[in-house]
Amino acid sequence: MSNQLDDYLLEYVESNGAYLKLQKNKDEKFKQEDFQELQLKMIQSNNIPRLLPMSLEDINNQITVFYKIEGLRQLRSLTKEHPL
């Protein structure tokens, strides 16, 4: 299942766990120059509370971002049980 969010494509992937896959759009992925290298390494190296663990897949200088969502519940189902 994939969703278009503004200029980004979100897709749910189940392979060795559950992941949210983020790329620019269906045909185009991120490039190295889209990220600031120092900030990216800081995010990957440190466990930041309330931030989903992130990993990158770089194939032929085309980067896809994966967020690990295994074991997490969707906000929609949570708000059905406990309205805001």
PDB file of N, CA and C in Angstrom:
ATOM      1  N   MET A   1       0.845  -1.170   0.000  1.00  0.00           N
ATOM      2  CA  MET A   1       0.000   0.000   0.000  1.00  0.00           C
ATOM      3  C   MET A   1       0.891   1.233   0.000  1.00  0.00           C
ATOM      4  N   SER A   2       0.612   2.174  -0.892  1.00  0.00           N
ATOM      5  CA  SER A   2       1.412   3.391  -0.941  1.00  0.00           C
ATOM      6  C   SER A   2       0.498   4.601  -0.949  1.00  0.00           C
ATOM      7  N   ASN A   3       0.994   5.693  -0.405  1.00  0.00           N
ATOM      8  CA  ASN A   3       0.263   6.949  -0.327  1.00  0.00           C
ATOM      9  C   ASN A   3       1.131   8.061  -0.867  1.00  0.00           C
ATOM     10  N   GLN A   4       0.510   9.023  -1.549  1.00  0.00           N
ATOM     11  CA  GLN A   4       1.229  10.200  -2.016  1.00  0.00           C
ATOM     12  C   GLN A   4       0.974  11.309  -1.010  1.00  0.00           C
ATOM     13  N   LEU A   5       2.032  11.870  -0.445  1.00  0.00           N
ATOM     14  CA  LEU A   5       1.940  12.941   0.536  1.00  0.00           C
ATOM     15  C   LEU A   5       2.736  14.116  -0.005  1.00  0.00           C
ATOM     16  N   ASP A   6       2.022  15.144  -0.476  1.00  0.00           N
ATOM     17  CA  ASP A   6       2.644  16.286  -1.145  1.00  0.00           C
ATOM     18  C   ASP A   6       3.555  15.780  -2.260  1.00  0.00           C
ATOM     19  N   ASP A   7       4.849  15.996  -2.153  1.00  0.00           N
ATOM     20  CA  ASP A   7       5.771  15.563  -3.207  1.00  0.00           C
ATOM     21  C   ASP A   7       6.446  14.236  -2.880  1.00  0.00           C
ATOM     22  N   TYR A   8       6.045  13.573  -1.801  1.00  0.00           N
ATOM     23  CA  TYR A   8       6.725  12.362  -1.360  1.00  0.00           C
ATOM     24  C   TYR A   8       5.818  11.151  -1.493  1.00  0.00           C
ATOM     25  N   LEU A   9       6.435  10.008  -1.673  1.00  0.00           N
ATOM     26  CA  LEU A   9       5.707   8.753  -1.761  1.00  0.00           C
ATOM     27  C   LEU A   9       6.006   7.929  -0.517  1.00  0.00           C
ATOM     28  N   LEU A  10       4.971   7.533   0.212  1.00  0.00           N
ATOM     29  CA  LEU A  10       5.096   6.688   1.398  1.00  0.00           C
ATOM     30  C   LEU A  10       4.567   5.302   1.064  1.00  0.00           C
ATOM     31  N   GLU A  11       5.312   4.297   1.459  1.00  0.00           N
ATOM     32  CA  GLU A  11       4.902   2.925   1.179  1.00  0.00           C
ATOM     33  C   GLU A  11       5.217   2.057   2.392  1.00  0.00           C
ATOM     34  N   TYR A  12       4.300   1.162   2.753  1.00  0.00           N
ATOM     35  CA  TYR A  12       4.521   0.246   3.856  1.00  0.00           C
ATOM     36  C   TYR A  12       5.169  -1.022   3.315  1.00  0.00           C
ATOM     37  N   VAL A  13       6.277  -1.431   3.925  1.00  0.00           N
ATOM     38  CA  VAL A  13       7.030  -2.581   3.462  1.00  0.00           C
ATOM     39  C   VAL A  13       7.193  -3.549   4.625  1.00  0.00           C
ATOM     40  N   GLU A  14       6.923  -4.829   4.379  1.00  0.00           N
ATOM     41  CA  GLU A  14       7.156  -5.854   5.392  1.00  0.00           C
ATOM     42  C   GLU A  14       8.204  -6.817   4.864  1.00  0.00           C
ATOM     43  N   SER A  15       9.442  -6.597   5.276  1.00  0.00           N
ATOM     44  CA  SER A  15      10.556  -7.449   4.900  1.00  0.00           C
ATOM     45  C   SER A  15      11.556  -7.383   6.046  1.00  0.00           C
ATOM     46  N   ASN A  16      11.698  -8.475   6.780  1.00  0.00           N
ATOM     47  CA  ASN A  16      12.520  -8.488   8.002  1.00  0.00           C
ATOM     48  C   ASN A  16      12.036  -7.438   8.988  1.00  0.00           C
ATOM     49  N   GLY A  17      10.735  -7.310   9.139  1.00  0.00           N
ATOM     50  CA  GLY A  17      10.131  -6.322  10.019  1.00  0.00           C
ATOM     51  C   GLY A  17       9.217  -5.411   9.220  1.00  0.00           C
ATOM     52  N   ALA A  18       8.610  -4.458   9.887  1.00  0.00           N
ATOM     53  CA  ALA A  18       7.707  -3.518   9.230  1.00  0.00           C
ATOM     54  C   ALA A  18       8.403  -2.159   9.103  1.00  0.00           C
ATOM     55  N   TYR A  19       8.356  -1.610   7.904  1.00  0.00           N
ATOM     56  CA  TYR A  19       9.035  -0.350   7.631  1.00  0.00           C
ATOM     57  C   TYR A  19       8.125   0.582   6.846  1.00  0.00           C
ATOM     58  N   LEU A  20       8.348   1.869   7.017  1.00  0.00           N
ATOM     59  CA  LEU A  20       7.712   2.898   6.216  1.00  0.00           C
ATOM     60  C   LEU A  20       8.779   3.409   5.261  1.00  0.00           C
ATOM     61  N   LYS A  21       8.538   3.246   3.974  1.00  0.00           N
ATOM     62  CA  LYS A  21       9.511   3.601   2.940  1.00  0.00           C
ATOM     63  C   LYS A  21       9.162   4.985   2.401  1.00  0.00           C
ATOM     64  N   LEU A  22      10.147   5.869   2.344  1.00  0.00           N
ATOM     65  CA  LEU A  22       9.943   7.244   1.896  1.00  0.00           C
ATOM     66  C   LEU A  22      10.859   7.530   0.714  1.00  0.00           C
ATOM     67  N   GLN A  23      10.268   8.031  -0.371  1.00  0.00           N
ATOM     68  CA  GLN A  23      11.065   8.490  -1.502  1.00  0.00           C
ATOM     69  C   GLN A  23      10.383   9.702  -2.114  1.00  0.00           C
ATOM     70  N   LYS A  24      11.076  10.395  -3.017  1.00  0.00           N
ATOM     71  CA  LYS A  24      10.552  11.653  -3.564  1.00  0.00           C
ATOM     72  C   LYS A  24       9.227  11.451  -4.277  1.00  0.00           C
ATOM     73  N   ASN A  25       9.192  10.583  -5.239  1.00  0.00           N
ATOM     74  CA  ASN A  25       7.954  10.211  -5.908  1.00  0.00           C
ATOM     75  C   ASN A  25       8.141   8.826  -6.512  1.00  0.00           C
ATOM     76  N   LYS A  26       7.183   8.361  -7.263  1.00  0.00           N
ATOM     77  CA  LYS A  26       7.234   6.984  -7.744  1.00  0.00           C
ATOM     78  C   LYS A  26       8.448   6.716  -8.636  1.00  0.00           C
ATOM     79  N   ASP A  27       8.847   7.684  -9.425  1.00  0.00           N
ATOM     80  CA  ASP A  27       9.940   7.483 -10.373  1.00  0.00           C
ATOM     81  C   ASP A  27      11.280   7.996  -9.873  1.00  0.00           C
ATOM     82  N   GLU A  28      11.271   8.944  -8.962  1.00  0.00           N
ATOM     83  CA  GLU A  28      12.517   9.599  -8.535  1.00  0.00           C
ATOM     84  C   GLU A  28      12.766   9.350  -7.052  1.00  0.00           C
ATOM     85  N   LYS A  29      14.007   9.015  -6.748  1.00  0.00           N
ATOM     86  CA  LYS A  29      14.398   8.820  -5.350  1.00  0.00           C
ATOM     87  C   LYS A  29      15.276   9.981  -4.920  1.00  0.00           C
ATOM     88  N   PHE A  30      15.625  10.011  -3.636  1.00  0.00           N
ATOM     89  CA  PHE A  30      16.503  11.061  -3.130  1.00  0.00           C
ATOM     90  C   PHE A  30      17.909  10.896  -3.687  1.00  0.00           C
ATOM     91  N   LYS A  31      18.634  11.979  -3.737  1.00  0.00           N
ATOM     92  CA  LYS A  31      20.045  11.953  -4.127  1.00  0.00           C
ATOM     93  C   LYS A  31      20.882  12.360  -2.918  1.00  0.00           C
ATOM     94  N   GLN A  32      22.164  12.089  -2.965  1.00  0.00           N
ATOM     95  CA  GLN A  32      23.063  12.384  -1.854  1.00  0.00           C
ATOM     96  C   GLN A  32      23.025  13.864  -1.480  1.00  0.00           C
ATOM     97  N   GLU A  33      22.918  14.740  -2.468  1.00  0.00           N
ATOM     98  CA  GLU A  33      22.937  16.178  -2.185  1.00  0.00           C
ATOM     99  C   GLU A  33      21.644  16.679  -1.537  1.00  0.00           C
ATOM    100  N   ASP A  34      20.622  15.829  -1.456  1.00  0.00           N
ATOM    101  CA  ASP A  34      19.386  16.202  -0.758  1.00  0.00           C
ATOM    102  C   ASP A  34      19.549  16.170   0.760  1.00  0.00           C
ATOM    103  N   PHE A  35      20.616  15.546   1.244  1.00  0.00           N
ATOM    104  CA  PHE A  35      20.848  15.407   2.684  1.00  0.00           C
ATOM    105  C   PHE A  35      22.111  16.142   3.093  1.00  0.00           C
ATOM    106  N   GLN A  36      22.118  16.638   4.310  1.00  0.00           N
ATOM    107  CA  GLN A  36      23.342  17.186   4.880  1.00  0.00           C
ATOM    108  C   GLN A  36      24.023  16.048   5.621  1.00  0.00           C
ATOM    109  N   GLU A  37      25.215  15.709   5.192  1.00  0.00           N
ATOM    110  CA  GLU A  37      25.898  14.497   5.645  1.00  0.00           C
ATOM    111  C   GLU A  37      26.094  14.456   7.159  1.00  0.00           C
ATOM    112  N   LEU A  38      26.525  15.542   7.759  1.00  0.00           N
ATOM    113  CA  LEU A  38      26.778  15.565   9.201  1.00  0.00           C
ATOM    114  C   LEU A  38      25.489  15.333   9.981  1.00  0.00           C
ATOM    115  N   GLN A  39      24.425  16.015   9.620  1.00  0.00           N
ATOM    116  CA  GLN A  39      23.156  15.847  10.324  1.00  0.00           C
ATOM    117  C   GLN A  39      22.618  14.439  10.158  1.00  0.00           C
ATOM    118  N   LEU A  40      22.751  13.887   8.980  1.00  0.00           N
ATOM    119  CA  LEU A  40      22.281  12.537   8.720  1.00  0.00           C
ATOM    120  C   LEU A  40      23.028  11.513   9.570  1.00  0.00           C
ATOM    121  N   LYS A  41      24.345  11.652   9.669  1.00  0.00           N
ATOM    122  CA  LYS A  41      25.133  10.733  10.493  1.00  0.00           C
ATOM    123  C   LYS A  41      24.791  10.873  11.972  1.00  0.00           C
ATOM    124  N   MET A  42      24.493  12.092  12.413  1.00  0.00           N
ATOM    125  CA  MET A  42      24.112  12.300  13.814  1.00  0.00           C
ATOM    126  C   MET A  42      22.789  11.594  14.115  1.00  0.00           C
ATOM    127  N   ILE A  43      21.832  11.692  13.208  1.00  0.00           N
ATOM    128  CA  ILE A  43      20.528  11.048  13.405  1.00  0.00           C
ATOM    129  C   ILE A  43      20.675   9.532  13.413  1.00  0.00           C
ATOM    130  N   GLN A  44      21.501   9.003  12.520  1.00  0.00           N
ATOM    131  CA  GLN A  44      21.678   7.550  12.438  1.00  0.00           C
ATOM    132  C   GLN A  44      22.483   6.998  13.613  1.00  0.00           C
ATOM    133  N   SER A  45      23.402   7.784  14.156  1.00  0.00           N
ATOM    134  CA  SER A  45      24.299   7.293  15.204  1.00  0.00           C
ATOM    135  C   SER A  45      23.694   7.352  16.594  1.00  0.00           C
ATOM    136  N   ASN A  46      22.719   8.220  16.804  1.00  0.00           N
ATOM    137  CA  ASN A  46      22.167   8.428  18.134  1.00  0.00           C
ATOM    138  C   ASN A  46      20.713   7.991  18.196  1.00  0.00           C
ATOM    139  N   ASN A  47      20.342   7.423  19.326  1.00  0.00           N
ATOM    140  CA  ASN A  47      18.961   7.050  19.561  1.00  0.00           C
ATOM    141  C   ASN A  47      18.244   8.269  20.123  1.00  0.00           C
ATOM    142  N   ILE A  48      17.377   8.873  19.331  1.00  0.00           N
ATOM    143  CA  ILE A  48      16.675  10.087  19.736  1.00  0.00           C
ATOM    144  C   ILE A  48      15.279   9.684  20.209  1.00  0.00           C
ATOM    145  N   PRO A  49      14.912  10.031  21.458  1.00  0.00           N
ATOM    146  CA  PRO A  49      13.593   9.652  21.970  1.00  0.00           C
ATOM    147  C   PRO A  49      12.473  10.204  21.083  1.00  0.00           C
ATOM    148  N   ARG A  50      11.462   9.392  20.852  1.00  0.00           N
ATOM    149  CA  ARG A  50      10.268   9.724  20.077  1.00  0.00           C
ATOM    150  C   ARG A  50      10.547   9.978  18.597  1.00  0.00           C
ATOM    151  N   LEU A  51      11.711   9.584  18.117  1.00  0.00           N
ATOM    152  CA  LEU A  51      12.019   9.659  16.686  1.00  0.00           C
ATOM    153  C   LEU A  51      12.171   8.228  16.174  1.00  0.00           C
ATOM    154  N   LEU A  52      11.477   7.890  15.100  1.00  0.00           N
ATOM    155  CA  LEU A  52      11.545   6.533  14.571  1.00  0.00           C
ATOM    156  C   LEU A  52      12.948   6.214  14.093  1.00  0.00           C
ATOM    157  N   PRO A  53      13.433   5.002  14.383  1.00  0.00           N
ATOM    158  CA  PRO A  53      14.747   4.596  13.871  1.00  0.00           C
ATOM    159  C   PRO A  53      14.743   4.653  12.341  1.00  0.00           C
ATOM    160  N   MET A  54      15.812   5.193  11.784  1.00  0.00           N
ATOM    161  CA  MET A  54      15.876   5.445  10.359  1.00  0.00           C
ATOM    162  C   MET A  54      17.074   4.737   9.740  1.00  0.00           C
ATOM    163  N   SER A  55      16.889   4.203   8.546  1.00  0.00           N
ATOM    164  CA  SER A  55      18.011   3.637   7.798  1.00  0.00           C
ATOM    165  C   SER A  55      17.879   4.076   6.346  1.00  0.00           C
ATOM    166  N   LEU A  56      19.006   4.071   5.649  1.00  0.00           N
ATOM    167  CA  LEU A  56      19.030   4.508   4.255  1.00  0.00           C
ATOM    168  C   LEU A  56      19.494   3.369   3.368  1.00  0.00           C
ATOM    169  N   GLU A  57      18.928   3.296   2.193  1.00  0.00           N
ATOM    170  CA  GLU A  57      19.363   2.326   1.194  1.00  0.00           C
ATOM    171  C   GLU A  57      19.854   3.127  -0.009  1.00  0.00           C
ATOM    172  N   ASP A  58      21.130   3.005  -0.304  1.00  0.00           N
ATOM    173  CA  ASP A  58      21.743   3.763  -1.395  1.00  0.00           C
ATOM    174  C   ASP A  58      22.110   2.804  -2.527  1.00  0.00           C
ATOM    175  N   ILE A  59      21.397   2.894  -3.633  1.00  0.00           N
ATOM    176  CA  ILE A  59      21.667   2.067  -4.803  1.00  0.00           C
ATOM    177  C   ILE A  59      21.872   3.004  -5.988  1.00  0.00           C
ATOM    178  N   ASN A  60      23.068   2.971  -6.554  1.00  0.00           N
ATOM    179  CA  ASN A  60      23.411   3.816  -7.708  1.00  0.00           C
ATOM    180  C   ASN A  60      23.134   5.297  -7.441  1.00  0.00           C
ATOM    181  N   ASN A  61      23.536   5.768  -6.270  1.00  0.00           N
ATOM    182  CA  ASN A  61      23.360   7.163  -5.848  1.00  0.00           C
ATOM    183  C   ASN A  61      21.889   7.576  -5.814  1.00  0.00           C
ATOM    184  N   GLN A  62      20.994   6.617  -5.659  1.00  0.00           N
ATOM    185  CA  GLN A  62      19.585   6.897  -5.439  1.00  0.00           C
ATOM    186  C   GLN A  62      19.236   6.355  -4.063  1.00  0.00           C
ATOM    187  N   ILE A  63      18.775   7.237  -3.193  1.00  0.00           N
ATOM    188  CA  ILE A  63      18.601   6.902  -1.783  1.00  0.00           C
ATOM    189  C   ILE A  63      17.124   6.770  -1.434  1.00  0.00           C
ATOM    190  N   THR A  64      16.800   5.706  -0.703  1.00  0.00           N
ATOM    191  CA  THR A  64      15.468   5.501  -0.160  1.00  0.00           C
ATOM    192  C   THR A  64      15.600   5.481   1.359  1.00  0.00           C
ATOM    193  N   VAL A  65      14.682   6.165   2.040  1.00  0.00           N
ATOM    194  CA  VAL A  65      14.702   6.253   3.496  1.00  0.00           C
ATOM    195  C   VAL A  65      13.692   5.246   4.048  1.00  0.00           C
ATOM    196  N   PHE A  66      14.117   4.480   5.057  1.00  0.00           N
ATOM    197  CA  PHE A  66      13.250   3.512   5.720  1.00  0.00           C
ATOM    198  C   PHE A  66      13.137   3.862   7.197  1.00  0.00           C
ATOM    199  N   TYR A  67      11.910   3.931   7.701  1.00  0.00           N
ATOM    200  CA  TYR A  67      11.649   4.140   9.119  1.00  0.00           C
ATOM    201  C   TYR A  67      11.094   2.842   9.684  1.00  0.00           C
ATOM    202  N   LYS A  68      11.671   2.359  10.769  1.00  0.00           N
ATOM    203  CA  LYS A  68      11.226   1.103  11.376  1.00  0.00           C
ATOM    204  C   LYS A  68       9.968   1.358  12.203  1.00  0.00           C
ATOM    205  N   ILE A  69       8.866   0.734  11.816  1.00  0.00           N
ATOM    206  CA  ILE A  69       7.590   0.935  12.502  1.00  0.00           C
ATOM    207  C   ILE A  69       7.069  -0.352  13.121  1.00  0.00           C
ATOM    208  N   GLU A  70       7.920  -1.364  13.204  1.00  0.00           N
ATOM    209  CA  GLU A  70       7.516  -2.648  13.770  1.00  0.00           C
ATOM    210  C   GLU A  70       7.135  -2.480  15.241  1.00  0.00           C
ATOM    211  N   GLY A  71       6.006  -3.025  15.606  1.00  0.00           N
ATOM    212  CA  GLY A  71       5.558  -2.976  16.991  1.00  0.00           C
ATOM    213  C   GLY A  71       4.842  -1.686  17.357  1.00  0.00           C
ATOM    214  N   LEU A  72       4.639  -0.785  16.401  1.00  0.00           N
ATOM    215  CA  LEU A  72       3.954   0.474  16.671  1.00  0.00           C
ATOM    216  C   LEU A  72       2.523   0.400  16.155  1.00  0.00           C
ATOM    217  N   ARG A  73       1.637   1.140  16.798  1.00  0.00           N
ATOM    218  CA  ARG A  73       0.237   1.169  16.384  1.00  0.00           C
ATOM    219  C   ARG A  73      -0.028   2.434  15.586  1.00  0.00           C
ATOM    220  N   GLN A  74      -0.966   2.344  14.652  1.00  0.00           N
ATOM    221  CA  GLN A  74      -1.334   3.514  13.875  1.00  0.00           C
ATOM    222  C   GLN A  74      -2.130   4.476  14.741  1.00  0.00           C
ATOM    223  N   LEU A  75      -1.939   5.744  14.501  1.00  0.00           N
ATOM    224  CA  LEU A  75      -2.642   6.779  15.263  1.00  0.00           C
ATOM    225  C   LEU A  75      -4.149   6.665  15.051  1.00  0.00           C
ATOM    226  N   ARG A  76      -4.564   6.272  13.871  1.00  0.00           N
ATOM    227  CA  ARG A  76      -5.991   6.163  13.581  1.00  0.00           C
ATOM    228  C   ARG A  76      -6.668   5.164  14.510  1.00  0.00           C
ATOM    229  N   SER A  77      -6.065   3.997  14.713  1.00  0.00           N
ATOM    230  CA  SER A  77      -6.687   2.999  15.582  1.00  0.00           C
ATOM    231  C   SER A  77      -6.653   3.435  17.044  1.00  0.00           C
ATOM    232  N   LEU A  78      -5.613   4.164  17.432  1.00  0.00           N
ATOM    233  CA  LEU A  78      -5.521   4.651  18.807  1.00  0.00           C
ATOM    234  C   LEU A  78      -6.580   5.697  19.113  1.00  0.00           C
ATOM    235  N   THR A  79      -6.866   6.598  18.146  1.00  0.00           N
ATOM    236  CA  THR A  79      -7.866   7.642  18.374  1.00  0.00           C
ATOM    237  C   THR A  79      -9.294   7.086  18.365  1.00  0.00           C
ATOM    238  N   LYS A  80      -9.494   5.929  17.724  1.00  0.00           N
ATOM    239  CA  LYS A  80     -10.810   5.298  17.776  1.00  0.00           C
ATOM    240  C   LYS A  80     -11.109   4.786  19.175  1.00  0.00           C
ATOM    241  N   GLU A  81     -10.073   4.260  19.837  1.00  0.00           N
ATOM    242  CA  GLU A  81     -10.234   3.738  21.196  1.00  0.00           C
ATOM    243  C   GLU A  81     -10.297   4.848  22.238  1.00  0.00           C
ATOM    244  N   HIS A  82      -9.459   5.852  22.078  1.00  0.00           N
ATOM    245  CA  HIS A  82      -9.388   6.970  23.032  1.00  0.00           C
ATOM    246  C   HIS A  82      -9.475   8.293  22.280  1.00  0.00           C
ATOM    247  N   PRO A  83     -10.685   8.832  22.107  1.00  0.00           N
ATOM    248  CA  PRO A  83     -10.810  10.102  21.364  1.00  0.00           C
ATOM    249  C   PRO A  83     -10.011  11.224  22.041  1.00  0.00           C
ATOM    250  N   LEU A  84      -9.547  12.131  21.223  1.00  0.00           N
ATOM    251  CA  LEU A  84      -8.725  13.239  21.754  1.00  0.00           C
ATOM    252  C   LEU A  84      -9.532  14.213  22.573  1.00  0.00           C
TER     253      LEU A  84
END
